[in-house]
PDB file of all heavy atoms in Angstrom:
ATOM      1  N   VAL A   1      15.491  -7.289  38.808  1.00  0.00           N
ATOM      2  CA  VAL A   1      16.604  -6.542  38.229  1.00  0.00           C
ATOM      3  C   VAL A   1      17.837  -7.432  38.128  1.00  0.00           C
ATOM      4  O   VAL A   1      17.999  -8.374  38.897  1.00  0.00           O
ATOM      5  CB  VAL A   1      16.912  -5.266  39.055  1.00  0.00           C
ATOM      6  CG1 VAL A   1      15.687  -4.367  39.137  1.00  0.00           C
ATOM      7  CG2 VAL A   1      17.405  -5.605  40.461  1.00  0.00           C
ATOM      8  N   ARG A   2      18.692  -7.098  37.156  1.00  0.00           N
ATOM      9  CA  ARG A   2      19.956  -7.825  36.993  1.00  0.00           C
ATOM     10  C   ARG A   2      21.103  -6.834  37.132  1.00  0.00           C
ATOM     11  O   ARG A   2      21.198  -5.859  36.385  1.00  0.00           O
ATOM     12  CB  ARG A   2      20.022  -8.524  35.637  1.00  0.00           C
ATOM     13  CG  ARG A   2      21.258  -9.431  35.526  1.00  0.00           C
ATOM     14  CD  ARG A   2      21.302 -10.189  34.215  1.00  0.00           C
ATOM     15  NE  ARG A   2      21.358  -9.294  33.065  1.00  0.00           N
ATOM     16  CZ  ARG A   2      22.455  -8.654  32.660  1.00  0.00           C
ATOM     17  NH1 ARG A   2      23.608  -8.775  33.319  1.00  0.00           N
ATOM     18  NH2 ARG A   2      22.419  -7.864  31.597  1.00  0.00           N
ATOM     19  N   HIS A   3      21.948  -7.091  38.112  1.00  0.00           N
ATOM     20  CA  HIS A   3      23.134  -6.282  38.383  1.00  0.00           C
ATOM     21  C   HIS A   3      24.134  -6.447  37.240  1.00  0.00           C
ATOM     22  O   HIS A   3      24.244  -7.528  36.664  1.00  0.00           O
ATOM     23  CB  HIS A   3      23.752  -6.746  39.711  1.00  0.00           C
ATOM     24  CG  HIS A   3      24.804  -5.839  40.242  1.00  0.00           C
ATOM     25  ND1 HIS A   3      26.098  -5.851  39.768  1.00  0.00           N
ATOM     26  CD2 HIS A   3      24.759  -4.902  41.217  1.00  0.00           C
ATOM     27  CE1 HIS A   3      26.810  -4.951  40.433  1.00  0.00           C
ATOM     28  NE2 HIS A   3      26.021  -4.366  41.320  1.00  0.00           N
ATOM     29  N   ARG A   4      24.874  -5.392  36.941  1.00  0.00           N
ATOM     30  CA  ARG A   4      25.860  -5.418  35.849  1.00  0.00           C
ATOM     31  C   ARG A   4      26.887  -6.548  35.989  1.00  0.00           C
ATOM     32  O   ARG A   4      27.411  -7.032  34.990  1.00  0.00           O
ATOM     33  CB  ARG A   4      26.623  -4.092  35.788  1.00  0.00           C
ATOM     34  CG  ARG A   4      25.816  -2.922  35.354  1.00  0.00           C
ATOM     35  CD  ARG A   4      26.706  -1.693  35.142  1.00  0.00           C
ATOM     36  NE  ARG A   4      25.939  -0.486  34.971  1.00  0.00           N
ATOM     37  CZ  ARG A   4      25.280  -0.157  33.876  1.00  0.00           C
ATOM     38  NH1 ARG A   4      25.287  -0.965  32.853  1.00  0.00           N
ATOM     39  NH2 ARG A   4      24.597   0.961  33.802  1.00  0.00           N
ATOM     40  N   GLU A   5      27.211  -6.923  37.210  1.00  0.00           N
ATOM     41  CA  GLU A   5      28.271  -7.906  37.445  1.00  0.00           C
ATOM     42  C   GLU A   5      27.752  -9.323  37.659  1.00  0.00           C
ATOM     43  O   GLU A   5      28.522 -10.218  38.004  1.00  0.00           O
ATOM     44  CB  GLU A   5      29.108  -7.477  38.649  1.00  0.00           C
ATOM     45  CG  GLU A   5      29.787  -6.138  38.421  1.00  0.00           C
ATOM     46  CD  GLU A   5      30.480  -5.612  39.664  1.00  0.00           C
ATOM     47  OE1 GLU A   5      30.423  -6.270  40.724  1.00  0.00           O
ATOM     48  OE2 GLU A   5      31.075  -4.525  39.571  1.00  0.00           O
ATOM     49  N   ARG A   6      26.431  -9.550  37.457  1.00  0.00           N
ATOM     50  CA  ARG A   6      25.865 -10.874  37.687  1.00  0.00           C
ATOM     51  C   ARG A   6      24.931 -11.250  36.542  1.00  0.00           C
ATOM     52  O   ARG A   6      24.467 -10.389  35.804  1.00  0.00           O
ATOM     53  CB  ARG A   6      25.100 -10.891  39.017  1.00  0.00           C
ATOM     54  CG  ARG A   6      26.000 -10.625  40.221  1.00  0.00           C
ATOM     55  CD  ARG A   6      25.263 -10.807  41.537  1.00  0.00           C
ATOM     56  NE  ARG A   6      24.589  -9.616  42.017  1.00  0.00           N
ATOM     57  CZ  ARG A   6      25.141  -8.639  42.716  1.00  0.00           C
ATOM     58  NH1 ARG A   6      26.425  -8.651  42.988  1.00  0.00           N
ATOM     59  NH2 ARG A   6      24.425  -7.618  43.142  1.00  0.00           N
ATOM     60  N   ASP A   7      24.646 -12.539  36.450  1.00  0.00           N
ATOM     61  CA  ASP A   7      23.694 -12.998  35.437  1.00  0.00           C
ATOM     62  C   ASP A   7      22.432 -13.564  36.087  1.00  0.00           C
ATOM     63  O   ASP A   7      21.688 -14.316  35.480  1.00  0.00           O
ATOM     64  CB  ASP A   7      24.336 -14.019  34.488  1.00  0.00           C
ATOM     65  CG  ASP A   7      24.817 -15.268  35.195  1.00  0.00           C
ATOM     66  OD1 ASP A   7      24.642 -15.377  36.429  1.00  0.00           O
ATOM     67  OD2 ASP A   7      25.355 -16.158  34.514  1.00  0.00           O
ATOM     68  N   THR A   8      22.196 -13.176  37.342  1.00  0.00           N
ATOM     69  CA  THR A   8      21.039 -13.651  38.095  1.00  0.00           C
ATOM     70  C   THR A   8      20.090 -12.484  38.366  1.00  0.00           C
ATOM     71  O   THR A   8      20.453 -11.320  38.218  1.00  0.00           O
ATOM     72  CB  THR A   8      21.498 -14.264  39.426  1.00  0.00           C
ATOM     73  OG1 THR A   8      22.369 -13.330  40.078  1.00  0.00           O
ATOM     74  CG2 THR A   8      22.246 -15.578  39.203  1.00  0.00           C
ATOM     75  N   TRP A   9      18.867 -12.819  38.785  1.00  0.00           N
ATOM     76  CA  TRP A   9      17.832 -11.812  39.032  1.00  0.00           C
ATOM     77  C   TRP A   9      17.677 -11.529  40.509  1.00  0.00           C
ATOM     78  O   TRP A   9      17.877 -12.418  41.341  1.00  0.00           O
ATOM     79  CB  TRP A   9      16.505 -12.281  38.431  1.00  0.00           C
ATOM     80  CG  TRP A   9      16.608 -12.381  36.953  1.00  0.00           C
ATOM     81  CD1 TRP A   9      16.798 -13.523  36.210  1.00  0.00           C
ATOM     82  CD2 TRP A   9      16.596 -11.298  36.018  1.00  0.00           C
ATOM     83  NE1 TRP A   9      16.891 -13.204  34.881  1.00  0.00           N
ATOM     84  CE2 TRP A   9      16.765 -11.850  34.733  1.00  0.00           C
ATOM     85  CE3 TRP A   9      16.450  -9.922  36.153  1.00  0.00           C
ATOM     86  CZ2 TRP A   9      16.793 -11.063  33.582  1.00  0.00           C
ATOM     87  CZ3 TRP A   9      16.472  -9.141  35.009  1.00  0.00           C
ATOM     88  CH2 TRP A   9      16.638  -9.710  33.745  1.00  0.00           C
ATOM     89  N   GLU A  10      17.305 -10.285  40.813  1.00  0.00           N
ATOM     90  CA  GLU A  10      17.166  -9.845  42.199  1.00  0.00           C
ATOM     91  C   GLU A  10      15.908  -9.013  42.364  1.00  0.00           C
ATOM     92  O   GLU A  10      15.470  -8.344  41.432  1.00  0.00           O
ATOM     93  CB  GLU A  10      18.365  -8.985  42.618  1.00  0.00           C
ATOM     94  CG  GLU A  10      19.684  -9.674  42.433  1.00  0.00           C
ATOM     95  CD  GLU A  10      20.882  -8.762  42.656  1.00  0.00           C
ATOM     96  OE1 GLU A  10      20.734  -7.678  43.261  1.00  0.00           O
ATOM     97  OE2 GLU A  10      21.974  -9.146  42.209  1.00  0.00           O
ATOM     98  N   ILE A  11      15.378  -9.017  43.575  1.00  0.00           N
ATOM     99  CA  ILE A  11      14.329  -8.090  43.946  1.00  0.00           C
ATOM    100  C   ILE A  11      14.998  -6.725  44.123  1.00  0.00           C
ATOM    101  O   ILE A  11      16.076  -6.640  44.710  1.00  0.00           O
ATOM    102  CB  ILE A  11      13.657  -8.535  45.266  1.00  0.00           C
ATOM    103  CG1 ILE A  11      12.943  -9.875  45.074  1.00  0.00           C
ATOM    104  CG2 ILE A  11      12.686  -7.472  45.770  1.00  0.00           C
ATOM    105  CD1 ILE A  11      12.451 -10.503  46.373  1.00  0.00           C
ATOM    106  N   PRO A  12      14.401  -5.649  43.618  1.00  0.00           N
ATOM    107  CA  PRO A  12      15.017  -4.323  43.809  1.00  0.00           C
ATOM    108  C   PRO A  12      15.211  -4.001  45.292  1.00  0.00           C
ATOM    109  O   PRO A  12      14.373  -4.357  46.130  1.00  0.00           O
ATOM    110  CB  PRO A  12      13.993  -3.361  43.189  1.00  0.00           C
ATOM    111  CG  PRO A  12      13.164  -4.193  42.278  1.00  0.00           C
ATOM    112  CD  PRO A  12      13.146  -5.573  42.875  1.00  0.00           C
ATOM    113  N   GLY A  13      16.301  -3.341  45.586  1.00  0.00           N
ATOM    114  CA  GLY A  13      16.571  -2.941  46.966  1.00  0.00           C
ATOM    115  C   GLY A  13      18.035  -2.636  47.162  1.00  0.00           C
ATOM    116  O   GLY A  13      18.843  -2.798  46.253  1.00  0.00           O
ATOM    117  N   GLY A  14      18.352  -2.198  48.371  1.00  0.00           N
ATOM    118  CA  GLY A  14      19.747  -1.892  48.629  1.00  0.00           C
ATOM    119  C   GLY A  14      19.991  -1.363  50.023  1.00  0.00           C
ATOM    120  O   GLY A  14      19.111  -1.382  50.878  1.00  0.00           O
ATOM    121  N   HIS A  15      21.214  -0.902  50.211  1.00  0.00           N
ATOM    122  CA  HIS A  15      21.693  -0.446  51.512  1.00  0.00           C
ATOM    123  C   HIS A  15      21.184   0.949  51.867  1.00  0.00           C
ATOM    124  O   HIS A  15      21.105   1.821  51.015  1.00  0.00           O
ATOM    125  CB  HIS A  15      23.225  -0.405  51.524  1.00  0.00           C
ATOM    126  CG  HIS A  15      23.849  -1.745  51.503  1.00  0.00           C
ATOM    127  ND1 HIS A  15      24.106  -2.409  50.325  1.00  0.00           N
ATOM    128  CD2 HIS A  15      24.254  -2.552  52.500  1.00  0.00           C
ATOM    129  CE1 HIS A  15      24.669  -3.572  50.613  1.00  0.00           C
ATOM    130  NE2 HIS A  15      24.766  -3.684  51.913  1.00  0.00           N
ATOM    131  N   ARG A  16      20.922   1.103  53.129  1.00  0.00           N
ATOM    132  CA  ARG A  16      20.554   2.396  53.695  1.00  0.00           C
ATOM    133  C   ARG A  16      21.806   3.263  53.787  1.00  0.00           C
ATOM    134  O   ARG A  16      22.873   2.795  54.198  1.00  0.00           O
ATOM    135  CB  ARG A  16      19.985   2.133  55.092  1.00  0.00           C
ATOM    136  CG  ARG A  16      19.530   3.337  55.844  1.00  0.00           C
ATOM    137  CD  ARG A  16      19.076   2.878  57.234  1.00  0.00           C
ATOM    138  NE  ARG A  16      18.217   3.848  57.848  1.00  0.00           N
ATOM    139  CZ  ARG A  16      17.590   3.639  58.995  1.00  0.00           C
ATOM    140  NH1 ARG A  16      17.707   2.491  59.625  1.00  0.00           N
ATOM    141  NH2 ARG A  16      16.828   4.573  59.507  1.00  0.00           N
ATOM    142  N   GLU A  17      21.687   4.520  53.389  1.00  0.00           N
ATOM    143  CA  GLU A  17      22.805   5.449  53.507  1.00  0.00           C
ATOM    144  C   GLU A  17      22.829   6.068  54.902  1.00  0.00           C
ATOM    145  O   GLU A  17      21.823   6.054  55.615  1.00  0.00           O
ATOM    146  CB  GLU A  17      22.690   6.523  52.424  1.00  0.00           C
ATOM    147  CG  GLU A  17      22.849   5.954  51.029  1.00  0.00           C
ATOM    148  CD  GLU A  17      22.736   6.986  49.934  1.00  0.00           C
ATOM    149  OE1 GLU A  17      22.428   8.169  50.221  1.00  0.00           O
ATOM    150  OE2 GLU A  17      22.947   6.611  48.771  1.00  0.00           O
ATOM    151  N   LYS A  18      23.970   6.617  55.277  1.00  0.00           N
ATOM    152  CA  LYS A  18      24.133   7.214  56.609  1.00  0.00           C
ATOM    153  C   LYS A  18      23.057   8.276  56.847  1.00  0.00           C
ATOM    154  O   LYS A  18      22.834   9.150  56.017  1.00  0.00           O
ATOM    155  CB  LYS A  18      25.525   7.838  56.718  1.00  0.00           C
ATOM    156  CG  LYS A  18      25.848   8.388  58.093  1.00  0.00           C
ATOM    157  CD  LYS A  18      27.273   8.859  58.163  1.00  0.00           C
ATOM    158  CE  LYS A  18      27.697   9.537  59.419  1.00  0.00           C
ATOM    159  NZ  LYS A  18      26.935   9.465  60.593  1.00  0.00           N
ATOM    160  N   ASP A  19      22.391   8.167  58.000  1.00  0.00           N
ATOM    161  CA  ASP A  19      21.347   9.107  58.442  1.00  0.00           C
ATOM    162  C   ASP A  19      20.114   9.137  57.542  1.00  0.00           C
ATOM    163  O   ASP A  19      19.322  10.072  57.617  1.00  0.00           O
ATOM    164  CB  ASP A  19      21.908  10.535  58.585  1.00  0.00           C
ATOM    165  CG  ASP A  19      23.005  10.610  59.637  1.00  0.00           C
ATOM    166  OD1 ASP A  19      22.903   9.887  60.652  1.00  0.00           O
ATOM    167  OD2 ASP A  19      23.963  11.378  59.438  1.00  0.00           O
ATOM    168  N   GLU A  20      19.930   8.119  56.691  1.00  0.00           N
ATOM    169  CA  GLU A  20      18.774   8.074  55.796  1.00  0.00           C
ATOM    170  C   GLU A  20      17.609   7.348  56.475  1.00  0.00           C
ATOM    171  O   GLU A  20      17.805   6.327  57.119  1.00  0.00           O
ATOM    172  CB  GLU A  20      19.165   7.346  54.502  1.00  0.00           C
ATOM    173  CG  GLU A  20      18.089   7.327  53.450  1.00  0.00           C
ATOM    174  CD  GLU A  20      18.549   6.641  52.166  1.00  0.00           C
ATOM    175  OE1 GLU A  20      19.203   5.580  52.252  1.00  0.00           O
ATOM    176  OE2 GLU A  20      18.247   7.171  51.085  1.00  0.00           O
ATOM    177  N   ASN A  21      16.414   7.874  56.303  1.00  0.00           N
ATOM    178  CA  ASN A  21      15.209   7.201  56.773  1.00  0.00           C
ATOM    179  C   ASN A  21      15.017   5.941  55.928  1.00  0.00           C
ATOM    180  O   ASN A  21      15.153   5.992  54.707  1.00  0.00           O
ATOM    181  CB  ASN A  21      14.022   8.166  56.615  1.00  0.00           C
ATOM    182  CG  ASN A  21      12.717   7.529  56.984  1.00  0.00           C
ATOM    183  OD1 ASN A  21      12.195   6.692  56.255  1.00  0.00           O
ATOM    184  ND2 ASN A  21      12.168   7.943  58.112  1.00  0.00           N
ATOM    185  N   ILE A  22      14.691   4.817  56.556  1.00  0.00           N
ATOM    186  CA  ILE A  22      14.593   3.544  55.837  1.00  0.00           C
ATOM    187  C   ILE A  22      13.502   3.582  54.764  1.00  0.00           C
ATOM    188  O   ILE A  22      13.636   2.952  53.716  1.00  0.00           O
ATOM    189  CB  ILE A  22      14.402   2.353  56.811  1.00  0.00           C
ATOM    190  CG1 ILE A  22      14.653   1.011  56.100  1.00  0.00           C
ATOM    191  CG2 ILE A  22      13.038   2.378  57.461  1.00  0.00           C
ATOM    192  CD1 ILE A  22      16.076   0.772  55.675  1.00  0.00           C
ATOM    193  N   ASP A  23      12.433   4.337  54.988  1.00  0.00           N
ATOM    194  CA  ASP A  23      11.400   4.463  53.962  1.00  0.00           C
ATOM    195  C   ASP A  23      11.938   5.220  52.740  1.00  0.00           C
ATOM    196  O   ASP A  23      11.601   4.902  51.597  1.00  0.00           O
ATOM    197  CB  ASP A  23      10.154   5.157  54.521  1.00  0.00           C
ATOM    198  CG  ASP A  23       9.470   4.322  55.607  1.00  0.00           C
ATOM    199  OD1 ASP A  23       9.657   3.088  55.643  1.00  0.00           O
ATOM    200  OD2 ASP A  23       8.740   4.920  56.420  1.00  0.00           O
ATOM    201  N   HIS A  24      12.782   6.211  52.995  1.00  0.00           N
ATOM    202  CA  HIS A  24      13.416   6.932  51.890  1.00  0.00           C
ATOM    203  C   HIS A  24      14.388   6.019  51.147  1.00  0.00           C
ATOM    204  O   HIS A  24      14.498   6.086  49.916  1.00  0.00           O
ATOM    205  CB  HIS A  24      14.132   8.194  52.384  1.00  0.00           C
ATOM    206  CG  HIS A  24      14.723   8.984  51.265  1.00  0.00           C
ATOM    207  ND1 HIS A  24      16.049   8.874  50.905  1.00  0.00           N
ATOM    208  CD2 HIS A  24      14.164   9.852  50.392  1.00  0.00           C
ATOM    209  CE1 HIS A  24      16.294   9.658  49.874  1.00  0.00           C
ATOM    210  NE2 HIS A  24      15.170  10.263  49.539  1.00  0.00           N
ATOM    211  N   THR A  25      15.084   5.159  51.889  1.00  0.00           N
ATOM    212  CA  THR A  25      15.982   4.185  51.257  1.00  0.00           C
ATOM    213  C   THR A  25      15.221   3.388  50.210  1.00  0.00           C
ATOM    214  O   THR A  25      15.683   3.222  49.082  1.00  0.00           O
ATOM    215  CB  THR A  25      16.565   3.207  52.306  1.00  0.00           C
ATOM    216  OG1 THR A  25      17.298   3.934  53.284  1.00  0.00           O
ATOM    217  CG2 THR A  25      17.455   2.157  51.661  1.00  0.00           C
ATOM    218  N   ALA A  26      14.047   2.897  50.594  1.00  0.00           N
ATOM    219  CA  ALA A  26      13.260   2.068  49.678  1.00  0.00           C
ATOM    220  C   ALA A  26      12.836   2.849  48.438  1.00  0.00           C
ATOM    221  O   ALA A  26      12.964   2.350  47.314  1.00  0.00           O
ATOM    222  CB  ALA A  26      12.043   1.504  50.403  1.00  0.00           C
ATOM    223  N   SER A  27      12.352   4.064  48.617  1.00  0.00           N
ATOM    224  CA  SER A  27      11.936   4.873  47.462  1.00  0.00           C
ATOM    225  C   SER A  27      13.123   5.198  46.560  1.00  0.00           C
ATOM    226  O   SER A  27      13.025   5.125  45.325  1.00  0.00           O
ATOM    227  CB  SER A  27      11.280   6.166  47.938  1.00  0.00           C
ATOM    228  OG  SER A  27      10.074   5.898  48.594  1.00  0.00           O
ATOM    229  N   ARG A  28      14.245   5.541  47.163  1.00  0.00           N
ATOM    230  CA  ARG A  28      15.457   5.860  46.386  1.00  0.00           C
ATOM    231  C   ARG A  28      15.925   4.636  45.609  1.00  0.00           C
ATOM    232  O   ARG A  28      16.210   4.711  44.407  1.00  0.00           O
ATOM    233  CB  ARG A  28      16.563   6.355  47.325  1.00  0.00           C
ATOM    234  CG  ARG A  28      17.887   6.642  46.616  1.00  0.00           C
ATOM    235  CD  ARG A  28      18.974   7.079  47.589  1.00  0.00           C
ATOM    236  NE  ARG A  28      19.179   6.172  48.698  1.00  0.00           N
ATOM    237  CZ  ARG A  28      19.816   5.001  48.628  1.00  0.00           C
ATOM    238  NH1 ARG A  28      20.309   4.574  47.466  1.00  0.00           N
ATOM    239  NH2 ARG A  28      19.973   4.248  49.701  1.00  0.00           N
ATOM    240  N   GLU A  29      16.008   3.501  46.283  1.00  0.00           N
ATOM    241  CA  GLU A  29      16.476   2.278  45.639  1.00  0.00           C
ATOM    242  C   GLU A  29      15.524   1.832  44.528  1.00  0.00           C
ATOM    243  O   GLU A  29      15.961   1.357  43.483  1.00  0.00           O
ATOM    244  CB  GLU A  29      16.671   1.149  46.659  1.00  0.00           C
ATOM    245  CG  GLU A  29      17.870   1.340  47.566  1.00  0.00           C
ATOM    246  CD  GLU A  29      19.210   1.118  46.867  1.00  0.00           C
ATOM    247  OE1 GLU A  29      19.249   0.612  45.721  1.00  0.00           O
ATOM    248  OE2 GLU A  29      20.247   1.454  47.485  1.00  0.00           O
ATOM    249  N   LEU A  30      14.225   1.989  44.746  1.00  0.00           N
ATOM    250  CA  LEU A  30      13.266   1.607  43.715  1.00  0.00           C
ATOM    251  C   LEU A  30      13.503   2.420  42.443  1.00  0.00           C
ATOM    252  O   LEU A  30      13.533   1.873  41.340  1.00  0.00           O
ATOM    253  CB  LEU A  30      11.831   1.779  44.216  1.00  0.00           C
ATOM    254  CG  LEU A  30      10.749   1.274  43.259  1.00  0.00           C
ATOM    255  CD1 LEU A  30      10.859  -0.230  43.024  1.00  0.00           C
ATOM    256  CD2 LEU A  30       9.367   1.628  43.810  1.00  0.00           C
ATOM    257  N   PHE A  31      13.711   3.729  42.596  1.00  0.00           N
ATOM    258  CA  PHE A  31      14.012   4.563  41.433  1.00  0.00           C
ATOM    259  C   PHE A  31      15.351   4.168  40.810  1.00  0.00           C
ATOM    260  O   PHE A  31      15.455   3.969  39.592  1.00  0.00           O
ATOM    261  CB  PHE A  31      14.038   6.054  41.792  1.00  0.00           C
ATOM    262  CG  PHE A  31      14.641   6.881  40.704  1.00  0.00           C
ATOM    263  CD1 PHE A  31      13.941   7.126  39.523  1.00  0.00           C
ATOM    264  CD2 PHE A  31      15.929   7.387  40.825  1.00  0.00           C
ATOM    265  CE1 PHE A  31      14.523   7.853  38.484  1.00  0.00           C
ATOM    266  CE2 PHE A  31      16.513   8.115  39.794  1.00  0.00           C
ATOM    267  CZ  PHE A  31      15.797   8.345  38.632  1.00  0.00           C
ATOM    268  N   GLU A  32      16.401   4.062  41.632  1.00  0.00           N
ATOM    269  CA  GLU A  32      17.739   3.781  41.109  1.00  0.00           C
ATOM    270  C   GLU A  32      17.816   2.449  40.386  1.00  0.00           C
ATOM    271  O   GLU A  32      18.563   2.298  39.419  1.00  0.00           O
ATOM    272  CB  GLU A  32      18.773   3.801  42.245  1.00  0.00           C
ATOM    273  CG  GLU A  32      19.051   5.175  42.788  1.00  0.00           C
ATOM    274  CD  GLU A  32      20.040   5.185  43.944  1.00  0.00           C
ATOM    275  OE1 GLU A  32      20.523   4.096  44.350  1.00  0.00           O
ATOM    276  OE2 GLU A  32      20.326   6.286  44.442  1.00  0.00           O
ATOM    277  N   GLU A  33      17.056   1.458  40.859  1.00  0.00           N
ATOM    278  CA  GLU A  33      17.182   0.114  40.297  1.00  0.00           C
ATOM    279  C   GLU A  33      16.156  -0.223  39.231  1.00  0.00           C
ATOM    280  O   GLU A  33      16.336  -1.206  38.508  1.00  0.00           O
ATOM    281  CB  GLU A  33      17.168  -0.923  41.415  1.00  0.00           C
ATOM    282  CG  GLU A  33      18.352  -0.745  42.339  1.00  0.00           C
ATOM    283  CD  GLU A  33      18.747  -1.987  43.094  1.00  0.00           C
ATOM    284  OE1 GLU A  33      17.968  -2.965  43.101  1.00  0.00           O
ATOM    285  OE2 GLU A  33      19.842  -1.984  43.678  1.00  0.00           O
ATOM    286  N   THR A  34      15.076   0.561  39.129  1.00  0.00           N
ATOM    287  CA  THR A  34      14.047   0.251  38.129  1.00  0.00           C
ATOM    288  C   THR A  34      13.712   1.433  37.221  1.00  0.00           C
ATOM    289  O   THR A  34      13.104   1.234  36.180  1.00  0.00           O
ATOM    290  CB  THR A  34      12.730  -0.208  38.792  1.00  0.00           C
ATOM    291  OG1 THR A  34      12.132   0.893  39.479  1.00  0.00           O
ATOM    292  CG2 THR A  34      12.948  -1.378  39.730  1.00  0.00           C
ATOM    293  N   GLY A  35      14.035   2.642  37.625  1.00  0.00           N
ATOM    294  CA  GLY A  35      13.624   3.822  36.883  1.00  0.00           C
ATOM    295  C   GLY A  35      12.203   4.251  37.203  1.00  0.00           C
ATOM    296  O   GLY A  35      11.634   5.099  36.519  1.00  0.00           O
ATOM    297  N   ALA A  36      11.619   3.682  38.265  1.00  0.00           N
ATOM    298  CA  ALA A  36      10.238   4.014  38.643  1.00  0.00           C
ATOM    299  C   ALA A  36      10.110   5.514  38.904  1.00  0.00           C
ATOM    300  O   ALA A  36      10.846   6.075  39.696  1.00  0.00           O
ATOM    301  CB  ALA A  36       9.820   3.225  39.876  1.00  0.00           C
ATOM    302  N   LYS A  37       9.150   6.153  38.196  1.00  0.00           N
ATOM    303  CA  LYS A  37       8.916   7.585  38.356  1.00  0.00           C
ATOM    304  C   LYS A  37       7.699   7.858  39.229  1.00  0.00           C
ATOM    305  O   LYS A  37       7.703   8.775  40.038  1.00  0.00           O
ATOM    306  CB  LYS A  37       8.727   8.240  36.989  1.00  0.00           C
ATOM    307  CG  LYS A  37       9.991   8.270  36.155  1.00  0.00           C
ATOM    308  CD  LYS A  37       9.747   8.764  34.748  1.00  0.00           C
ATOM    309  CE  LYS A  37       9.378  10.227  34.744  1.00  0.00           C
ATOM    310  NZ  LYS A  37       9.251  10.764  33.371  1.00  0.00           N
ATOM    311  N   LYS A  38       6.646   7.069  39.044  1.00  0.00           N
ATOM    312  CA  LYS A  38       5.427   7.211  39.846  1.00  0.00           C
ATOM    313  C   LYS A  38       5.105   5.847  40.427  1.00  0.00           C
ATOM    314  O   LYS A  38       5.024   4.857  39.688  1.00  0.00           O
ATOM    315  CB  LYS A  38       4.266   7.703  38.989  1.00  0.00           C
ATOM    316  CG  LYS A  38       4.439   9.101  38.458  1.00  0.00           C
ATOM    317  CD  LYS A  38       3.231   9.528  37.661  1.00  0.00           C
ATOM    318  CE  LYS A  38       3.451  10.926  37.080  1.00  0.00           C
ATOM    319  NZ  LYS A  38       2.338  11.335  36.218  1.00  0.00           N
ATOM    320  N   PHE A  39       4.928   5.825  41.755  1.00  0.00           N
ATOM    321  CA  PHE A  39       4.663   4.545  42.406  1.00  0.00           C
ATOM    322  C   PHE A  39       4.025   4.756  43.771  1.00  0.00           C
ATOM    323  O   PHE A  39       4.119   5.827  44.361  1.00  0.00           O
ATOM    324  CB  PHE A  39       5.942   3.722  42.546  1.00  0.00           C
ATOM    325  CG  PHE A  39       7.090   4.455  43.198  1.00  0.00           C
ATOM    326  CD1 PHE A  39       7.235   4.473  44.571  1.00  0.00           C
ATOM    327  CD2 PHE A  39       8.022   5.132  42.427  1.00  0.00           C
ATOM    328  CE1 PHE A  39       8.294   5.149  45.171  1.00  0.00           C
ATOM    329  CE2 PHE A  39       9.091   5.813  43.014  1.00  0.00           C
ATOM    330  CZ  PHE A  39       9.215   5.813  44.383  1.00  0.00           C
ATOM    331  N   ILE A  40       3.382   3.705  44.223  1.00  0.00           N
ATOM    332  CA  ILE A  40       2.860   3.633  45.587  1.00  0.00           C
ATOM    333  C   ILE A  40       3.721   2.592  46.285  1.00  0.00           C
ATOM    334  O   ILE A  40       3.893   1.477  45.768  1.00  0.00           O
ATOM    335  CB  ILE A  40       1.382   3.190  45.602  1.00  0.00           C
ATOM    336  CG1 ILE A  40       0.519   4.198  44.851  1.00  0.00           C
ATOM    337  CG2 ILE A  40       0.892   3.008  47.040  1.00  0.00           C
ATOM    338  CD1 ILE A  40      -0.880   3.695  44.548  1.00  0.00           C
ATOM    339  N   ILE A  41       4.280   2.949  47.429  1.00  0.00           N
ATOM    340  CA  ILE A  41       5.146   2.015  48.149  1.00  0.00           C
ATOM    341  C   ILE A  41       4.626   1.869  49.571  1.00  0.00           C
ATOM    342  O   ILE A  41       4.282   2.858  50.215  1.00  0.00           O
ATOM    343  CB  ILE A  41       6.622   2.477  48.087  1.00  0.00           C
ATOM    344  CG1 ILE A  41       7.553   1.399  48.604  1.00  0.00           C
ATOM    345  CG2 ILE A  41       6.812   3.795  48.794  1.00  0.00           C
ATOM    346  CD1 ILE A  41       9.016   1.639  48.255  1.00  0.00           C
ATOM    347  N   THR A  42       4.561   0.617  50.026  1.00  0.00           N
ATOM    348  CA  THR A  42       3.982   0.314  51.333  1.00  0.00           C
ATOM    349  C   THR A  42       4.940  -0.560  52.138  1.00  0.00           C
ATOM    350  O   THR A  42       5.356  -1.616  51.647  1.00  0.00           O
ATOM    351  CB  THR A  42       2.644  -0.438  51.158  1.00  0.00           C
ATOM    352  OG1 THR A  42       1.794   0.319  50.298  1.00  0.00           O
ATOM    353  CG2 THR A  42       1.972  -0.678  52.486  1.00  0.00           C
ATOM    354  N   PRO A  43       5.283  -0.161  53.357  1.00  0.00           N
ATOM    355  CA  PRO A  43       6.090  -1.048  54.200  1.00  0.00           C
ATOM    356  C   PRO A  43       5.247  -2.238  54.652  1.00  0.00           C
ATOM    357  O   PRO A  43       4.096  -2.074  55.039  1.00  0.00           O
ATOM    358  CB  PRO A  43       6.497  -0.164  55.377  1.00  0.00           C
ATOM    359  CG  PRO A  43       5.540   0.977  55.379  1.00  0.00           C
ATOM    360  CD  PRO A  43       4.983   1.112  54.001  1.00  0.00           C
TER     361      PRO A  43
END
């Protein structure tokens, strides 16, 4: 993914929100950063 403020590429991901389960963080970030609707995610 490429952030709006950069011209470089990144692996999708991001910060955990307050009281959020880290596995939920990953699923949320994957959707927010890629638009993924159906996926299998493995820690």
